[in-house]
């Protein structure tokens, strides 16, 4: 899991680089596997820490937290996609 802070261009660049790197290593990342906040979709454009966690962020974290260990275990249990 990767978190990127910054603007839309930076988020797109990081996503593109990660997808290309994973693809080069033999993995097939989902093309919709990245998400980022742009503009005022959540709470404005100041990029300051909010005094309270927005519900959209909390909801994403509740989904991300239990899925991260599962995803981290997959290479050990499924093997590298390029090996039989």
C-alpha atoms as a PDB file:
ATOM      1  CA  UNK A   1       0.000   0.000   0.000  1.00  0.00           C
ATOM      2  CA  UNK A   2       1.300   3.420  -0.870  1.00  0.00           C
ATOM      3  CA  UNK A   3       0.056   6.812   0.267  1.00  0.00           C
ATOM      4  CA  UNK A   4       0.943   9.862  -1.792  1.00  0.00           C
ATOM      5  CA  UNK A   5       0.513  13.421  -0.600  1.00  0.00           C
ATOM      6  CA  UNK A   6       0.475  16.192  -3.142  1.00  0.00           C
ATOM      7  CA  UNK A   7      -1.257  17.176  -6.314  1.00  0.00           C
ATOM      8  CA  UNK A   8      -2.970  15.217  -9.041  1.00  0.00           C
ATOM      9  CA  UNK A   9       0.084  15.165 -11.314  1.00  0.00           C
ATOM     10  CA  UNK A  10       2.247  13.654  -8.584  1.00  0.00           C
ATOM     11  CA  UNK A  11      -0.342  11.024  -7.714  1.00  0.00           C
ATOM     12  CA  UNK A  12      -0.705  10.016 -11.355  1.00  0.00           C
ATOM     13  CA  UNK A  13       3.090   9.837 -11.757  1.00  0.00           C
ATOM     14  CA  UNK A  14       3.567   7.660  -8.674  1.00  0.00           C
ATOM     15  CA  UNK A  15       0.724   5.370  -9.756  1.00  0.00           C
ATOM     16  CA  UNK A  16       2.146   5.041 -13.266  1.00  0.00           C
ATOM     17  CA  UNK A  17       5.643   4.282 -11.959  1.00  0.00           C
ATOM     18  CA  UNK A  18       4.367   1.670  -9.504  1.00  0.00           C
ATOM     19  CA  UNK A  19       2.183  -0.025 -12.102  1.00  0.00           C
ATOM     20  CA  UNK A  20       5.056  -0.108 -14.603  1.00  0.00           C
ATOM     21  CA  UNK A  21       7.484  -1.472 -12.012  1.00  0.00           C
ATOM     22  CA  UNK A  22       5.087  -4.196 -10.917  1.00  0.00           C
ATOM     23  CA  UNK A  23       4.384  -5.086 -14.538  1.00  0.00           C
ATOM     24  CA  UNK A  24       8.110  -5.253 -15.307  1.00  0.00           C
ATOM     25  CA  UNK A  25       8.543  -7.632 -12.352  1.00  0.00           C
ATOM     26  CA  UNK A  26       5.900  -9.996 -13.753  1.00  0.00           C
ATOM     27  CA  UNK A  27       2.879  -8.911 -11.748  1.00  0.00           C
ATOM     28  CA  UNK A  28      -0.454  -7.829 -13.214  1.00  0.00           C
ATOM     29  CA  UNK A  29      -1.688  -4.881 -11.150  1.00  0.00           C
ATOM     30  CA  UNK A  30      -5.352  -3.994 -11.492  1.00  0.00           C
ATOM     31  CA  UNK A  31      -5.622  -0.826 -13.593  1.00  0.00           C
ATOM     32  CA  UNK A  32      -8.060   0.588 -11.021  1.00  0.00           C
ATOM     33  CA  UNK A  33      -5.868  -0.227  -8.017  1.00  0.00           C
ATOM     34  CA  UNK A  34      -4.915   3.369  -7.318  1.00  0.00           C
ATOM     35  CA  UNK A  35      -7.002   6.118  -5.815  1.00  0.00           C
ATOM     36  CA  UNK A  36      -6.186   9.641  -4.770  1.00  0.00           C
ATOM     37  CA  UNK A  37      -7.923  12.779  -3.606  1.00  0.00           C
ATOM     38  CA  UNK A  38      -7.938  15.675  -6.010  1.00  0.00           C
ATOM     39  CA  UNK A  39      -9.137  19.197  -5.324  1.00  0.00           C
ATOM     40  CA  UNK A  40     -12.117  19.656  -3.084  1.00  0.00           C
ATOM     41  CA  UNK A  41     -13.411  16.095  -3.240  1.00  0.00           C
ATOM     42  CA  UNK A  42     -13.000  15.680   0.508  1.00  0.00           C
ATOM     43  CA  UNK A  43     -12.318  18.907   2.361  1.00  0.00           C
ATOM     44  CA  UNK A  44     -10.539  21.543   0.316  1.00  0.00           C
ATOM     45  CA  UNK A  45      -7.128  22.091  -1.190  1.00  0.00           C
ATOM     46  CA  UNK A  46      -5.003  23.340   1.722  1.00  0.00           C
ATOM     47  CA  UNK A  47      -3.389  19.912   2.447  1.00  0.00           C
ATOM     48  CA  UNK A  48      -3.241  20.721   6.176  1.00  0.00           C
ATOM     49  CA  UNK A  49      -3.985  18.031   8.730  1.00  0.00           C
ATOM     50  CA  UNK A  50      -7.670  18.207   9.673  1.00  0.00           C
ATOM     51  CA  UNK A  51      -8.643  18.480  13.318  1.00  0.00           C
ATOM     52  CA  UNK A  52     -10.818  15.368  12.844  1.00  0.00           C
ATOM     53  CA  UNK A  53     -10.473  12.473  10.400  1.00  0.00           C
ATOM     54  CA  UNK A  54     -12.960  12.880   7.536  1.00  0.00           C
ATOM     55  CA  UNK A  55     -15.402   9.966   7.254  1.00  0.00           C
ATOM     56  CA  UNK A  56     -14.257   9.219   3.704  1.00  0.00           C
ATOM     57  CA  UNK A  57     -10.680   8.777   4.959  1.00  0.00           C
ATOM     58  CA  UNK A  58     -11.776   6.712   7.950  1.00  0.00           C
ATOM     59  CA  UNK A  59     -13.871   4.476   5.701  1.00  0.00           C
ATOM     60  CA  UNK A  60     -10.971   3.896   3.305  1.00  0.00           C
ATOM     61  CA  UNK A  61      -8.685   3.072   6.240  1.00  0.00           C
ATOM     62  CA  UNK A  62     -11.199   0.577   7.623  1.00  0.00           C
ATOM     63  CA  UNK A  63     -11.122  -1.214   4.282  1.00  0.00           C
ATOM     64  CA  UNK A  64      -7.366  -0.913   3.764  1.00  0.00           C
ATOM     65  CA  UNK A  65      -6.262  -2.129   7.192  1.00  0.00           C
ATOM     66  CA  UNK A  66      -7.651  -5.692   7.098  1.00  0.00           C
ATOM     67  CA  UNK A  67      -6.771  -6.180   3.418  1.00  0.00           C
ATOM     68  CA  UNK A  68      -3.102  -5.173   3.741  1.00  0.00           C
ATOM     69  CA  UNK A  69      -1.913  -8.281   5.645  1.00  0.00           C
ATOM     70  CA  UNK A  70      -3.826 -10.519   3.225  1.00  0.00           C
ATOM     71  CA  UNK A  71      -2.161  -8.874   0.228  1.00  0.00           C
ATOM     72  CA  UNK A  72       1.260  -9.040   1.901  1.00  0.00           C
ATOM     73  CA  UNK A  73       0.900 -12.823   2.378  1.00  0.00           C
ATOM     74  CA  UNK A  74      -0.103 -13.553  -1.222  1.00  0.00           C
ATOM     75  CA  UNK A  75       3.415 -13.800  -2.702  1.00  0.00           C
ATOM     76  CA  UNK A  76       4.434 -16.339  -0.056  1.00  0.00           C
ATOM     77  CA  UNK A  77       1.348 -18.479  -0.567  1.00  0.00           C
ATOM     78  CA  UNK A  78       0.842 -18.077  -4.319  1.00  0.00           C
ATOM     79  CA  UNK A  79       4.398 -17.730  -5.519  1.00  0.00           C
ATOM     80  CA  UNK A  80       5.797 -15.356  -8.106  1.00  0.00           C
ATOM     81  CA  UNK A  81       3.534 -15.106 -11.160  1.00  0.00           C
ATOM     82  CA  UNK A  82       6.430 -16.002 -13.467  1.00  0.00           C
ATOM     83  CA  UNK A  83       7.242 -19.305 -11.703  1.00  0.00           C
ATOM     84  CA  UNK A  84       5.335 -22.576 -11.881  1.00  0.00           C
END
